[in-house]
N, C-alpha and C. Protein backbone atom coordinates (compact mmCIF):
# COMPACT_ATOMS: atom_id res chain seq x y z
N MET A 1 1.09 -1.15 0.19
CA MET A 1 -0.02 0.11 0.10
C MET A 1 0.50 1.36 0.12
N SER A 2 0.49 2.13 -0.85
CA SER A 2 1.41 3.20 -0.88
C SER A 2 1.32 4.25 0.98
N GLU A 3 2.33 5.25 0.58
CA GLU A 3 2.30 6.27 1.75
C GLU A 3 0.42 6.93 1.81
N TYR A 4 0.34 7.48 0.52
CA TYR A 4 -0.83 8.14 0.57
C TYR A 4 -2.14 7.64 1.21
N PHE A 5 -2.15 6.11 0.89
CA PHE A 5 -3.39 5.90 1.69
C PHE A 5 -2.85 4.95 2.98
N SER A 6 -2.13 5.17 3.88
CA SER A 6 -1.66 4.73 5.12
C SER A 6 -2.53 5.91 6.09
N GLU A 7 -2.96 5.33 7.15
CA GLU A 7 -3.43 5.58 8.13
C GLU A 7 -3.02 7.23 8.78
N ASP A 8 -2.04 7.33 9.11
CA ASP A 8 -1.35 8.57 9.05
C ASP A 8 -1.19 9.53 8.02
N GLU A 9 -1.45 9.31 6.79
CA GLU A 9 -1.17 10.18 5.77
C GLU A 9 -3.27 10.67 5.66
N VAL A 10 -3.48 10.12 5.92
CA VAL A 10 -5.32 10.20 5.86
C VAL A 10 -5.50 11.18 6.97
N ARG A 11 -4.65 10.90 8.21
CA ARG A 11 -5.32 11.49 9.33
C ARG A 11 -4.48 13.20 9.06
N ARG A 12 -3.49 13.29 8.80
CA ARG A 12 -2.76 14.48 8.27
C ARG A 12 -3.43 15.10 6.95
N ARG A 13 -3.94 13.94 6.28
CA ARG A 13 -5.10 15.05 5.37
C ARG A 13 -6.13 15.85 6.12
N MET A 14 -6.83 14.82 6.85
CA MET A 14 -7.85 15.42 7.20
C MET A 14 -7.70 16.57 7.91
N ALA A 15 -6.68 16.48 8.97
CA ALA A 15 -6.50 17.99 9.95
C ALA A 15 -6.01 18.81 8.83
N ASN A 16 -5.68 18.72 7.62
CA ASN A 16 -5.23 19.63 6.99
C ASN A 16 -6.54 20.25 6.11
N ARG A 17 -7.60 19.57 6.19
CA ARG A 17 -8.86 19.62 5.30
C ARG A 17 -8.03 19.27 3.73
N GLU A 18 -7.42 18.84 3.69
CA GLU A 18 -7.51 18.44 2.40
C GLU A 18 -8.32 17.02 1.73
N LEU A 19 -8.55 16.78 0.57
CA LEU A 19 -9.12 15.54 -0.20
C LEU A 19 -8.25 14.41 0.68
N TYR A 20 -9.46 13.64 0.56
CA TYR A 20 -8.76 12.13 1.41
C TYR A 20 -9.83 11.01 1.22
N SER A 21 -9.68 10.07 1.30
CA SER A 21 -10.53 8.60 0.94
C SER A 21 -10.08 7.62 2.25
N ASP A 22 -10.86 7.10 3.05
CA ASP A 22 -10.68 6.14 3.89
C ASP A 22 -11.69 4.63 3.33
N ALA A 23 -11.61 4.62 2.37
CA ALA A 23 -12.21 3.35 1.64
C ALA A 23 -11.25 2.48 1.19
N TYR A 24 -9.88 2.30 1.99
CA TYR A 24 -9.02 1.27 1.63
C TYR A 24 -8.68 0.26 2.80
N PRO A 25 -8.23 -0.88 2.06
CA PRO A 25 -7.98 -1.60 3.23
C PRO A 25 -6.82 -1.10 4.03
N GLY A 26 -6.80 -1.85 5.37
CA GLY A 26 -6.36 -1.18 6.72
C GLY A 26 -6.78 0.10 7.28
N LEU A 27 -7.81 0.79 6.66
CA LEU A 27 -8.42 2.07 7.20
C LEU A 27 -9.34 1.62 7.82
N GLU A 28 -9.73 0.66 8.31
CA GLU A 28 -11.12 0.02 8.77
C GLU A 28 -11.51 0.90 10.18
N GLY A 29 -10.55 1.38 11.03
CA GLY A 29 -10.25 1.98 11.84
C GLY A 29 -10.88 3.60 11.84
N LEU A 30 -10.63 4.13 10.97
CA LEU A 30 -10.81 5.51 10.30
C LEU A 30 -12.72 5.44 9.97
N GLU A 31 -13.00 4.11 9.66
CA GLU A 31 -14.63 4.08 9.28
C GLU A 31 -15.31 3.84 10.37
N VAL A 32 -14.98 2.69 11.44
CA VAL A 32 -15.54 3.33 12.90
C VAL A 32 -15.69 4.51 13.20
N GLU A 33 -14.72 5.25 13.49
CA GLU A 33 -14.75 6.77 13.80
C GLU A 33 -15.73 7.37 13.15
N ARG A 34 -15.80 7.44 11.69
CA ARG A 34 -16.41 8.18 10.84
C ARG A 34 -18.10 7.56 11.58
N ASP A 35 -18.34 6.35 11.45
CA ASP A 35 -19.77 6.13 12.08
C ASP A 35 -19.94 6.52 13.28
N ARG A 36 -19.14 6.63 14.19
CA ARG A 36 -19.43 6.90 15.91
C ARG A 36 -19.89 8.56 15.43
N ALA A 37 -19.17 9.45 15.07
CA ALA A 37 -18.79 10.62 14.94
C ALA A 37 -20.50 10.79 14.23
N LYS A 38 -20.85 10.14 13.23
CA LYS A 38 -22.36 10.42 12.51
C LYS A 38 -23.49 9.93 13.55
N LEU A 39 -23.38 8.84 14.82
CA LEU A 39 -24.13 8.61 15.50
C LEU A 39 -24.38 9.74 16.25
N LEU A 40 -22.93 9.81 17.12
CA LEU A 40 -23.29 11.46 17.71
C LEU A 40 -23.87 12.20 17.37
N ALA A 41 -23.62 12.95 16.13
CA ALA A 41 -24.43 13.73 15.45
C ALA A 41 -25.59 13.84 15.61
N ALA A 42 -26.32 12.20 15.01
CA ALA A 42 -27.71 12.20 15.13
C ALA A 42 -28.38 12.36 16.49
N ARG A 43 -27.41 12.18 17.23
CA ARG A 43 -27.80 11.80 18.62
C ARG A 43 -28.11 13.56 19.22
N PHE A 44 -27.43 14.53 18.75
CA PHE A 44 -27.11 15.84 19.55
C PHE A 44 -28.08 16.44 18.60
N ASN A 45 -28.64 16.20 17.00
CA ASN A 45 -29.38 16.78 16.64
C ASN A 45 -30.64 16.38 17.05
N GLN A 46 -31.31 15.56 17.80
CA GLN A 46 -32.38 15.15 18.12
C GLN A 46 -32.66 15.89 19.74
N THR A 47 -31.47 16.56 20.34
CA THR A 47 -31.54 17.48 21.52
C THR A 47 -32.11 18.66 21.61
N THR A 48 -32.74 19.55 22.62
CA THR A 48 -33.48 20.53 22.37
C THR A 48 -32.21 21.49 22.83
N PRO A 49 -32.72 22.90 22.79
CA PRO A 49 -31.37 23.59 23.41
C PRO A 49 -31.63 23.72 25.16
N ALA A 50 -32.73 23.30 25.74
CA ALA A 50 -32.68 23.20 26.89
C ALA A 50 -31.80 21.91 27.46
N GLU A 51 -31.61 21.10 26.46
CA GLU A 51 -30.55 20.03 26.87
C GLU A 51 -29.52 20.35 27.24
N LYS A 52 -29.25 21.20 27.52
CA LYS A 52 -27.36 21.64 27.59
C LYS A 52 -26.55 20.62 28.27
N ASP A 53 -26.75 19.99 29.40
CA ASP A 53 -25.90 19.27 30.07
C ASP A 53 -25.58 18.21 29.11
N LEU A 54 -26.87 17.04 28.33
CA LEU A 54 -26.90 16.07 27.22
C LEU A 54 -25.61 16.66 26.06
N ARG A 55 -25.88 17.82 25.75
CA ARG A 55 -25.36 18.36 24.52
C ARG A 55 -23.52 18.30 25.16
N LYS A 56 -23.46 18.66 25.95
CA LYS A 56 -21.94 18.21 26.36
C LYS A 56 -21.36 17.36 27.00
N HIS A 57 -22.14 16.92 27.08
CA HIS A 57 -21.94 15.12 27.17
C HIS A 57 -21.60 14.53 25.77
N LEU A 58 -22.68 14.96 24.99
CA LEU A 58 -22.58 14.19 23.93
C LEU A 58 -20.96 14.95 22.95
N LEU A 59 -21.00 15.88 23.58
CA LEU A 59 -19.79 16.57 22.51
C LEU A 59 -18.40 16.47 23.19
N ALA A 60 -18.54 15.84 24.53
CA ALA A 60 -17.21 15.32 24.97
C ALA A 60 -16.51 14.44 24.59
């Protein structure tokens, strides 16, 4: 696998807001993190502004 598709390189590109893809063998950990982030975002979006403590917990 080329360096371009290593997990470190993909994370570097993410941090620098560069184009990247995590759809390659060996990058399954990134897919798991992305799915977790989507779940947390969905849970956050279901809260109301009055649920400040829950929102803080989800963002922690």
